[in-house]
Amino acid sequence: MIFSLDAETAKNASLGVVGGSFIALLLVLKFVKSMISKLLLIIIVVGIGVIAFGQRESLTSCVNVAKAQAKAGSSINTRCTIFGREVTISLPTGS
């Protein structure tokens, strides 16, 4: 594995992607002149934002399942992924 990614960092990164796609959307609307190009770029940028937000929600629910397993005293057997990449779940002691 080239780098390790924990769940909190992955959630923050996906939120950054959503924000970046919003900024990209504003730039497309400002600088692209052709209506067809605007529509295609808007669809692409909005699609990226929606996918990133969906991945973030999926990761959040997976972390909540892991927290519930830890709280119940059982071993954590949940595998959380974001964009097909497994993330490490670090739970504080006593959670």
PDB file of N, CA and C in Angstrom:
ATOM      1  N   MET A   1       0.851  -1.171   0.000  1.00  0.00           N
ATOM      2  CA  MET A   1       0.000   0.000   0.000  1.00  0.00           C
ATOM      3  C   MET A   1       0.900   1.238   0.000  1.00  0.00           C
ATOM      4  N   ILE A   2       0.648   2.169  -0.877  1.00  0.00           N
ATOM      5  CA  ILE A   2       1.483   3.354  -0.999  1.00  0.00           C
ATOM      6  C   ILE A   2       1.272   4.309   0.170  1.00  0.00           C
ATOM      7  N   PHE A   3       0.036   4.528   0.540  1.00  0.00           N
ATOM      8  CA  PHE A   3      -0.250   5.396   1.676  1.00  0.00           C
ATOM      9  C   PHE A   3      -1.433   4.860   2.445  1.00  0.00           C
ATOM     10  N   SER A   4      -1.503   5.264   3.699  1.00  0.00           N
ATOM     11  CA  SER A   4      -2.599   4.834   4.553  1.00  0.00           C
ATOM     12  C   SER A   4      -3.612   5.967   4.651  1.00  0.00           C
ATOM     13  N   LEU A   5      -4.857   5.618   4.634  1.00  0.00           N
ATOM     14  CA  LEU A   5      -5.921   6.606   4.679  1.00  0.00           C
ATOM     15  C   LEU A   5      -6.879   6.214   5.786  1.00  0.00           C
ATOM     16  N   ASP A   6      -7.061   7.107   6.765  1.00  0.00           N
ATOM     17  CA  ASP A   6      -8.021   6.778   7.810  1.00  0.00           C
ATOM     18  C   ASP A   6      -9.385   7.366   7.450  1.00  0.00           C
ATOM     19  N   ALA A   7     -10.401   6.925   8.161  1.00  0.00           N
ATOM     20  CA  ALA A   7     -11.778   7.274   7.811  1.00  0.00           C
ATOM     21  C   ALA A   7     -12.035   8.774   7.911  1.00  0.00           C
ATOM     22  N   GLU A   8     -11.498   9.412   8.938  1.00  0.00           N
ATOM     23  CA  GLU A   8     -11.753  10.853   9.120  1.00  0.00           C
ATOM     24  C   GLU A   8     -11.107  11.662   7.996  1.00  0.00           C
ATOM     25  N   THR A   9      -9.901  11.301   7.613  1.00  0.00           N
ATOM     26  CA  THR A   9      -9.220  11.989   6.515  1.00  0.00           C
ATOM     27  C   THR A   9      -9.978  11.778   5.207  1.00  0.00           C
ATOM     28  N   ALA A  10     -10.459  10.571   4.983  1.00  0.00           N
ATOM     29  CA  ALA A  10     -11.209  10.274   3.765  1.00  0.00           C
ATOM     30  C   ALA A  10     -12.506  11.079   3.710  1.00  0.00           C
ATOM     31  N   LYS A  11     -13.201  11.195   4.859  1.00  0.00           N
ATOM     32  CA  LYS A  11     -14.438  11.988   4.884  1.00  0.00           C
ATOM     33  C   LYS A  11     -14.135  13.448   4.583  1.00  0.00           C
ATOM     34  N   ASN A  12     -13.069  13.979   5.160  1.00  0.00           N
ATOM     35  CA  ASN A  12     -12.707  15.374   4.917  1.00  0.00           C
ATOM     36  C   ASN A  12     -12.276  15.595   3.467  1.00  0.00           C
ATOM     37  N   ALA A  13     -11.542  14.641   2.905  1.00  0.00           N
ATOM     38  CA  ALA A  13     -11.111  14.757   1.517  1.00  0.00           C
ATOM     39  C   ALA A  13     -12.305  14.743   0.567  1.00  0.00           C
ATOM     40  N   SER A  14     -13.277  13.881   0.833  1.00  0.00           N
ATOM     41  CA  SER A  14     -14.448  13.840  -0.044  1.00  0.00           C
ATOM     42  C   SER A  14     -15.262  15.123   0.075  1.00  0.00           C
ATOM     43  N   LEU A  15     -15.288  15.710   1.262  1.00  0.00           N
ATOM     44  CA  LEU A  15     -15.961  16.998   1.418  1.00  0.00           C
ATOM     45  C   LEU A  15     -15.215  18.074   0.631  1.00  0.00           C
ATOM     46  N   GLY A  16     -13.888  17.988   0.605  1.00  0.00           N
ATOM     47  CA  GLY A  16     -13.091  18.909  -0.206  1.00  0.00           C
ATOM     48  C   GLY A  16     -13.376  18.758  -1.689  1.00  0.00           C
ATOM     49  N   VAL A  17     -13.597  17.519  -2.134  1.00  0.00           N
ATOM     50  CA  VAL A  17     -13.926  17.276  -3.537  1.00  0.00           C
ATOM     51  C   VAL A  17     -15.280  17.893  -3.869  1.00  0.00           C
ATOM     52  N   VAL A  18     -16.237  17.772  -2.959  1.00  0.00           N
ATOM     53  CA  VAL A  18     -17.564  18.368  -3.183  1.00  0.00           C
ATOM     54  C   VAL A  18     -17.423  19.890  -3.291  1.00  0.00           C
ATOM     55  N   GLY A  19     -16.665  20.494  -2.376  1.00  0.00           N
ATOM     56  CA  GLY A  19     -16.450  21.941  -2.430  1.00  0.00           C
ATOM     57  C   GLY A  19     -15.704  22.355  -3.682  1.00  0.00           C
ATOM     58  N   GLY A  20     -14.699  21.569  -4.062  1.00  0.00           N
ATOM     59  CA  GLY A  20     -13.945  21.866  -5.280  1.00  0.00           C
ATOM     60  C   GLY A  20     -14.806  21.768  -6.526  1.00  0.00           C
ATOM     61  N   SER A  21     -15.721  20.817  -6.543  1.00  0.00           N
ATOM     62  CA  SER A  21     -16.599  20.693  -7.706  1.00  0.00           C
ATOM     63  C   SER A  21     -17.564  21.882  -7.794  1.00  0.00           C
ATOM     64  N   PHE A  22     -17.956  22.422  -6.641  1.00  0.00           N
ATOM     65  CA  PHE A  22     -18.812  23.617  -6.653  1.00  0.00           C
ATOM     66  C   PHE A  22     -18.040  24.809  -7.212  1.00  0.00           C
ATOM     67  N   ILE A  23     -16.786  24.966  -6.804  1.00  0.00           N
ATOM     68  CA  ILE A  23     -15.959  26.054  -7.320  1.00  0.00           C
ATOM     69  C   ILE A  23     -15.725  25.868  -8.821  1.00  0.00           C
ATOM     70  N   ALA A  24     -15.476  24.628  -9.239  1.00  0.00           N
ATOM     71  CA  ALA A  24     -15.291  24.346 -10.663  1.00  0.00           C
ATOM     72  C   ALA A  24     -16.558  24.669 -11.443  1.00  0.00           C
ATOM     73  N   LEU A  25     -17.710  24.388 -10.852  1.00  0.00           N
ATOM     74  CA  LEU A  25     -18.979  24.719 -11.499  1.00  0.00           C
ATOM     75  C   LEU A  25     -19.105  26.218 -11.720  1.00  0.00           C
ATOM     76  N   LEU A  26     -18.747  27.005 -10.717  1.00  0.00           N
ATOM     77  CA  LEU A  26     -18.795  28.458 -10.864  1.00  0.00           C
ATOM     78  C   LEU A  26     -17.833  28.942 -11.943  1.00  0.00           C
ATOM     79  N   LEU A  27     -16.643  28.356 -12.007  1.00  0.00           N
ATOM     80  CA  LEU A  27     -15.671  28.740 -13.031  1.00  0.00           C
ATOM     81  C   LEU A  27     -16.172  28.386 -14.428  1.00  0.00           C
ATOM     82  N   VAL A  28     -16.806  27.222 -14.565  1.00  0.00           N
ATOM     83  CA  VAL A  28     -17.367  26.830 -15.860  1.00  0.00           C
ATOM     84  C   VAL A  28     -18.419  27.835 -16.294  1.00  0.00           C
ATOM     85  N   LEU A  29     -19.298  28.191 -15.380  1.00  0.00           N
ATOM     86  CA  LEU A  29     -20.366  29.137 -15.726  1.00  0.00           C
ATOM     87  C   LEU A  29     -19.807  30.507 -16.090  1.00  0.00           C
ATOM     88  N   LYS A  30     -18.702  30.897 -15.489  1.00  0.00           N
ATOM     89  CA  LYS A  30     -18.120  32.214 -15.728  1.00  0.00           C
ATOM     90  C   LYS A  30     -17.354  32.286 -17.047  1.00  0.00           C
ATOM     91  N   PHE A  31     -16.548  31.266 -17.357  1.00  0.00           N
ATOM     92  CA  PHE A  31     -15.593  31.408 -18.444  1.00  0.00           C
ATOM     93  C   PHE A  31     -15.923  30.643 -19.725  1.00  0.00           C
ATOM     94  N   VAL A  32     -16.732  29.626 -19.673  1.00  0.00           N
ATOM     95  CA  VAL A  32     -17.036  28.864 -20.890  1.00  0.00           C
ATOM     96  C   VAL A  32     -18.157  29.567 -21.638  1.00  0.00           C
ATOM     97  N   LYS A  33     -17.937  29.799 -22.927  1.00  0.00           N
ATOM     98  CA  LYS A  33     -18.901  30.569 -23.725  1.00  0.00           C
ATOM     99  C   LYS A  33     -19.936  29.682 -24.424  1.00  0.00           C
ATOM    100  N   SER A  34     -19.523  28.548 -24.934  1.00  0.00           N
ATOM    101  CA  SER A  34     -20.418  27.687 -25.686  1.00  0.00           C
ATOM    102  C   SER A  34     -21.429  27.017 -24.753  1.00  0.00           C
ATOM    103  N   MET A  35     -22.689  27.060 -25.129  1.00  0.00           N
ATOM    104  CA  MET A  35     -23.744  26.481 -24.297  1.00  0.00           C
ATOM    105  C   MET A  35     -23.609  24.960 -24.188  1.00  0.00           C
ATOM    106  N   ILE A  36     -23.246  24.299 -25.288  1.00  0.00           N
ATOM    107  CA  ILE A  36     -23.071  22.845 -25.264  1.00  0.00           C
ATOM    108  C   ILE A  36     -21.927  22.473 -24.331  1.00  0.00           C
ATOM    109  N   SER A  37     -20.826  23.195 -24.429  1.00  0.00           N
ATOM    110  CA  SER A  37     -19.674  22.918 -23.552  1.00  0.00           C
ATOM    111  C   SER A  37     -20.043  23.164 -22.100  1.00  0.00           C
ATOM    112  N   LYS A  38     -20.797  24.238 -21.849  1.00  0.00           N
ATOM    113  CA  LYS A  38     -21.239  24.522 -20.477  1.00  0.00           C
ATOM    114  C   LYS A  38     -22.062  23.370 -19.926  1.00  0.00           C
ATOM    115  N   LEU A  39     -23.014  22.894 -20.704  1.00  0.00           N
ATOM    116  CA  LEU A  39     -23.881  21.811 -20.242  1.00  0.00           C
ATOM    117  C   LEU A  39     -23.089  20.544 -19.963  1.00  0.00           C
ATOM    118  N   LEU A  40     -22.174  20.184 -20.862  1.00  0.00           N
ATOM    119  CA  LEU A  40     -21.373  18.977 -20.647  1.00  0.00           C
ATOM    120  C   LEU A  40     -20.492  19.111 -19.416  1.00  0.00           C
ATOM    121  N   LEU A  41     -19.841  20.243 -19.250  1.00  0.00           N
ATOM    122  CA  LEU A  41     -18.976  20.440 -18.095  1.00  0.00           C
ATOM    123  C   LEU A  41     -19.771  20.512 -16.793  1.00  0.00           C
ATOM    124  N   ILE A  42     -20.942  21.111 -16.844  1.00  0.00           N
ATOM    125  CA  ILE A  42     -21.796  21.167 -15.653  1.00  0.00           C
ATOM    126  C   ILE A  42     -22.202  19.748 -15.246  1.00  0.00           C
ATOM    127  N   ILE A  43     -22.582  18.921 -16.218  1.00  0.00           N
ATOM    128  CA  ILE A  43     -22.969  17.542 -15.916  1.00  0.00           C
ATOM    129  C   ILE A  43     -21.805  16.786 -15.291  1.00  0.00           C
ATOM    130  N   ILE A  44     -20.608  16.953 -15.842  1.00  0.00           N
ATOM    131  CA  ILE A  44     -19.433  16.261 -15.310  1.00  0.00           C
ATOM    132  C   ILE A  44     -19.118  16.724 -13.899  1.00  0.00           C
ATOM    133  N   VAL A  45     -19.091  18.039 -13.677  1.00  0.00           N
ATOM    134  CA  VAL A  45     -18.732  18.590 -12.362  1.00  0.00           C
ATOM    135  C   VAL A  45     -19.772  18.217 -11.311  1.00  0.00           C
ATOM    136  N   VAL A  46     -21.045  18.324 -11.649  1.00  0.00           N
ATOM    137  CA  VAL A  46     -22.100  17.955 -10.703  1.00  0.00           C
ATOM    138  C   VAL A  46     -22.034  16.449 -10.408  1.00  0.00           C
ATOM    139  N   GLY A  47     -21.757  15.654 -11.432  1.00  0.00           N
ATOM    140  CA  GLY A  47     -21.622  14.213 -11.229  1.00  0.00           C
ATOM    141  C   GLY A  47     -20.495  13.870 -10.262  1.00  0.00           C
ATOM    142  N   ILE A  48     -19.361  14.543 -10.404  1.00  0.00           N
ATOM    143  CA  ILE A  48     -18.242  14.317  -9.483  1.00  0.00           C
ATOM    144  C   ILE A  48     -18.643  14.673  -8.057  1.00  0.00           C
ATOM    145  N   GLY A  49     -19.317  15.795  -7.892  1.00  0.00           N
ATOM    146  CA  GLY A  49     -19.763  16.211  -6.563  1.00  0.00           C
ATOM    147  C   GLY A  49     -20.741  15.229  -5.940  1.00  0.00           C
ATOM    148  N   VAL A  50     -21.680  14.753  -6.732  1.00  0.00           N
ATOM    149  CA  VAL A  50     -22.682  13.807  -6.225  1.00  0.00           C
ATOM    150  C   VAL A  50     -22.027  12.477  -5.840  1.00  0.00           C
ATOM    151  N   ILE A  51     -21.121  12.003  -6.661  1.00  0.00           N
ATOM    152  CA  ILE A  51     -20.430  10.746  -6.363  1.00  0.00           C
ATOM    153  C   ILE A  51     -19.598  10.887  -5.093  1.00  0.00           C
ATOM    154  N   ALA A  52     -18.867  11.993  -4.963  1.00  0.00           N
ATOM    155  CA  ALA A  52     -18.039  12.207  -3.769  1.00  0.00           C
ATOM    156  C   ALA A  52     -18.902  12.296  -2.517  1.00  0.00           C
ATOM    157  N   PHE A  53     -20.042  12.988  -2.598  1.00  0.00           N
ATOM    158  CA  PHE A  53     -20.921  13.108  -1.445  1.00  0.00           C
ATOM    159  C   PHE A  53     -21.514  11.742  -1.081  1.00  0.00           C
ATOM    160  N   GLY A  54     -21.876  10.956  -2.085  1.00  0.00           N
ATOM    161  CA  GLY A  54     -22.411   9.614  -1.836  1.00  0.00           C
ATOM    162  C   GLY A  54     -21.381   8.714  -1.171  1.00  0.00           C
ATOM    163  N   GLN A  55     -20.132   8.807  -1.611  1.00  0.00           N
ATOM    164  CA  GLN A  55     -19.066   8.030  -0.988  1.00  0.00           C
ATOM    165  C   GLN A  55     -18.861   8.455   0.460  1.00  0.00           C
ATOM    166  N   ARG A  56     -18.973   9.744   0.724  1.00  0.00           N
ATOM    167  CA  ARG A  56     -18.810  10.252   2.085  1.00  0.00           C
ATOM    168  C   ARG A  56     -19.918   9.724   2.989  1.00  0.00           C
ATOM    169  N   GLU A  57     -21.136   9.728   2.500  1.00  0.00           N
ATOM    170  CA  GLU A  57     -22.268   9.211   3.281  1.00  0.00           C
ATOM    171  C   GLU A  57     -22.106   7.715   3.551  1.00  0.00           C
ATOM    172  N   SER A  58     -21.661   6.978   2.546  1.00  0.00           N
ATOM    173  CA  SER A  58     -21.438   5.545   2.707  1.00  0.00           C
ATOM    174  C   SER A  58     -20.355   5.277   3.747  1.00  0.00           C
ATOM    175  N   LEU A  59     -19.284   6.061   3.705  1.00  0.00           N
ATOM    176  CA  LEU A  59     -18.206   5.904   4.678  1.00  0.00           C
ATOM    177  C   LEU A  59     -18.675   6.246   6.085  1.00  0.00           C
ATOM    178  N   THR A  60     -19.478   7.286   6.219  1.00  0.00           N
ATOM    179  CA  THR A  60     -19.999   7.680   7.531  1.00  0.00           C
ATOM    180  C   THR A  60     -20.862   6.569   8.123  1.00  0.00           C
ATOM    181  N   SER A  61     -21.728   5.967   7.319  1.00  0.00           N
ATOM    182  CA  SER A  61     -22.574   4.893   7.831  1.00  0.00           C
ATOM    183  C   SER A  61     -21.734   3.662   8.192  1.00  0.00           C
ATOM    184  N   CYS A  62     -20.688   3.385   7.438  1.00  0.00           N
ATOM    185  CA  CYS A  62     -19.809   2.251   7.749  1.00  0.00           C
ATOM    186  C   CYS A  62     -19.083   2.490   9.071  1.00  0.00           C
ATOM    187  N   VAL A  63     -18.610   3.707   9.299  1.00  0.00           N
ATOM    188  CA  VAL A  63     -17.932   4.032  10.556  1.00  0.00           C
ATOM    189  C   VAL A  63     -18.914   3.918  11.726  1.00  0.00           C
ATOM    190  N   ASN A  64     -20.161   4.329  11.517  1.00  0.00           N
ATOM    191  CA  ASN A  64     -21.163   4.208  12.573  1.00  0.00           C
ATOM    192  C   ASN A  64     -21.426   2.738  12.925  1.00  0.00           C
ATOM    193  N   VAL A  65     -21.418   1.862  11.926  1.00  0.00           N
ATOM    194  CA  VAL A  65     -21.581   0.431  12.178  1.00  0.00           C
ATOM    195  C   VAL A  65     -20.399  -0.083  12.994  1.00  0.00           C
ATOM    196  N   ALA A  66     -19.193   0.341  12.635  1.00  0.00           N
ATOM    197  CA  ALA A  66     -18.003  -0.090  13.375  1.00  0.00           C
ATOM    198  C   ALA A  66     -18.051   0.414  14.815  1.00  0.00           C
ATOM    199  N   LYS A  67     -18.519   1.644  15.021  1.00  0.00           N
ATOM    200  CA  LYS A  67     -18.644   2.185  16.381  1.00  0.00           C
ATOM    201  C   LYS A  67     -19.653   1.377  17.190  1.00  0.00           C
ATOM    202  N   ALA A  68     -20.755   0.999  16.557  1.00  0.00           N
ATOM    203  CA  ALA A  68     -21.768   0.204  17.256  1.00  0.00           C
ATOM    204  C   ALA A  68     -21.212  -1.167  17.628  1.00  0.00           C
ATOM    205  N   GLN A  69     -20.434  -1.767  16.742  1.00  0.00           N
ATOM    206  CA  GLN A  69     -19.822  -3.065  17.049  1.00  0.00           C
ATOM    207  C   GLN A  69     -18.843  -2.930  18.207  1.00  0.00           C
ATOM    208  N   ALA A  70     -18.058  -1.865  18.215  1.00  0.00           N
ATOM    209  CA  ALA A  70     -17.090  -1.656  19.296  1.00  0.00           C
ATOM    210  C   ALA A  70     -17.801  -1.394  20.621  1.00  0.00           C
ATOM    211  N   LYS A  71     -18.897  -0.640  20.560  1.00  0.00           N
ATOM    212  CA  LYS A  71     -19.651  -0.327  21.772  1.00  0.00           C
ATOM    213  C   LYS A  71     -20.291  -1.585  22.363  1.00  0.00           C
ATOM    214  N   ALA A  72     -20.702  -2.494  21.499  1.00  0.00           N
ATOM    215  CA  ALA A  72     -21.314  -3.743  21.956  1.00  0.00           C
ATOM    216  C   ALA A  72     -20.277  -4.720  22.500  1.00  0.00           C
ATOM    217  N   GLY A  73     -19.011  -4.404  22.328  1.00  0.00           N
ATOM    218  CA  GLY A  73     -17.955  -5.261  22.847  1.00  0.00           C
ATOM    219  C   GLY A  73     -17.506  -6.346  21.888  1.00  0.00           C
ATOM    220  N   SER A  74     -18.099  -6.401  20.717  1.00  0.00           N
ATOM    221  CA  SER A  74     -17.677  -7.410  19.743  1.00  0.00           C
ATOM    222  C   SER A  74     -16.524  -6.864  18.907  1.00  0.00           C
ATOM    223  N   SER A  75     -15.885  -7.758  18.189  1.00  0.00           N
ATOM    224  CA  SER A  75     -14.775  -7.311  17.345  1.00  0.00           C
ATOM    225  C   SER A  75     -15.338  -6.559  16.140  1.00  0.00           C
ATOM    226  N   ILE A  76     -14.536  -5.644  15.643  1.00  0.00           N
ATOM    227  CA  ILE A  76     -14.966  -4.850  14.489  1.00  0.00           C
ATOM    228  C   ILE A  76     -14.644  -5.653  13.239  1.00  0.00           C
ATOM    229  N   ASN A  77     -15.686  -6.099  12.553  1.00  0.00           N
ATOM    230  CA  ASN A  77     -15.481  -6.870  11.332  1.00  0.00           C
ATOM    231  C   ASN A  77     -16.064  -6.144  10.122  1.00  0.00           C
ATOM    232  N   THR A  78     -16.120  -4.840  10.192  1.00  0.00           N
ATOM    233  CA  THR A  78     -16.627  -4.029   9.095  1.00  0.00           C
ATOM    234  C   THR A  78     -15.449  -3.536   8.269  1.00  0.00           C
ATOM    235  N   ARG A  79     -15.576  -3.629   6.968  1.00  0.00           N
ATOM    236  CA  ARG A  79     -14.540  -3.142   6.059  1.00  0.00           C
ATOM    237  C   ARG A  79     -15.082  -1.910   5.357  1.00  0.00           C
ATOM    238  N   CYS A  80     -14.526  -0.759   5.644  1.00  0.00           N
ATOM    239  CA  CYS A  80     -14.983   0.493   5.038  1.00  0.00           C
ATOM    240  C   CYS A  80     -14.107   0.850   3.847  1.00  0.00           C
ATOM    241  N   THR A  81     -14.736   1.289   2.771  1.00  0.00           N
ATOM    242  CA  THR A  81     -14.006   1.701   1.581  1.00  0.00           C
ATOM    243  C   THR A  81     -14.524   3.045   1.087  1.00  0.00           C
ATOM    244  N   ILE A  82     -13.667   3.749   0.382  1.00  0.00           N
ATOM    245  CA  ILE A  82     -14.057   4.963  -0.317  1.00  0.00           C
ATOM    246  C   ILE A  82     -13.392   4.913  -1.682  1.00  0.00           C
ATOM    247  N   PHE A  83     -14.178   5.013  -2.724  1.00  0.00           N
ATOM    248  CA  PHE A  83     -13.724   4.869  -4.104  1.00  0.00           C
ATOM    249  C   PHE A  83     -12.944   3.570  -4.302  1.00  0.00           C
ATOM    250  N   GLY A  84     -13.425   2.491  -3.666  1.00  0.00           N
ATOM    251  CA  GLY A  84     -12.825   1.180  -3.811  1.00  0.00           C
ATOM    252  C   GLY A  84     -11.552   0.971  -3.018  1.00  0.00           C
ATOM    253  N   ARG A  85     -11.160   1.937  -2.230  1.00  0.00           N
ATOM    254  CA  ARG A  85      -9.935   1.855  -1.443  1.00  0.00           C
ATOM    255  C   ARG A  85     -10.291   1.683   0.022  1.00  0.00           C
ATOM    256  N   GLU A  86      -9.705   0.683   0.652  1.00  0.00           N
ATOM    257  CA  GLU A  86     -10.011   0.404   2.052  1.00  0.00           C
ATOM    258  C   GLU A  86      -9.405   1.481   2.949  1.00  0.00           C
ATOM    259  N   VAL A  87     -10.167   1.899   3.951  1.00  0.00           N
ATOM    260  CA  VAL A  87      -9.686   2.900   4.899  1.00  0.00           C
ATOM    261  C   VAL A  87      -9.581   2.291   6.286  1.00  0.00           C
ATOM    262  N   THR A  88      -8.694   2.849   7.082  1.00  0.00           N
ATOM    263  CA  THR A  88      -8.480   2.387   8.441  1.00  0.00           C
ATOM    264  C   THR A  88      -9.474   3.081   9.358  1.00  0.00           C
ATOM    265  N   ILE A  89     -10.091   2.312  10.246  1.00  0.00           N
ATOM    266  CA  ILE A  89     -11.018   2.871  11.220  1.00  0.00           C
ATOM    267  C   ILE A  89     -10.286   2.964  12.546  1.00  0.00           C
ATOM    268  N   SER A  90     -10.102   4.173  13.014  1.00  0.00           N
ATOM    269  CA  SER A  90      -9.450   4.401  14.312  1.00  0.00           C
ATOM    270  C   SER A  90     -10.511   4.916  15.264  1.00  0.00           C
ATOM    271  N   LEU A  91     -10.847   4.104  16.259  1.00  0.00           N
ATOM    272  CA  LEU A  91     -11.848   4.513  17.230  1.00  0.00           C
ATOM    273  C   LEU A  91     -11.137   4.852  18.537  1.00  0.00           C
ATOM    274  N   PRO A  92     -11.518   5.970  19.159  1.00  0.00           N
ATOM    275  CA  PRO A  92     -10.921   6.286  20.462  1.00  0.00           C
ATOM    276  C   PRO A  92     -11.300   5.235  21.491  1.00  0.00           C
ATOM    277  N   THR A  93     -10.442   5.005  22.446  1.00  0.00           N
ATOM    278  CA  THR A  93     -10.754   4.026  23.482  1.00  0.00           C
ATOM    279  C   THR A  93     -11.918   4.519  24.308  1.00  0.00           C
ATOM    280  N   GLY A  94     -12.800   3.619  24.646  1.00  0.00           N
ATOM    281  CA  GLY A  94     -13.980   3.966  25.428  1.00  0.00           C
ATOM    282  C   GLY A  94     -15.174   4.339  24.575  1.00  0.00           C
ATOM    283  N   SER A  95     -15.052   4.278  23.222  1.00  0.00           N
ATOM    284  CA  SER A  95     -16.164   4.633  22.348  1.00  0.00           C
ATOM    285  C   SER A  95     -17.056   3.446  22.113  1.00  0.00           C
TER     286      SER A  95
END
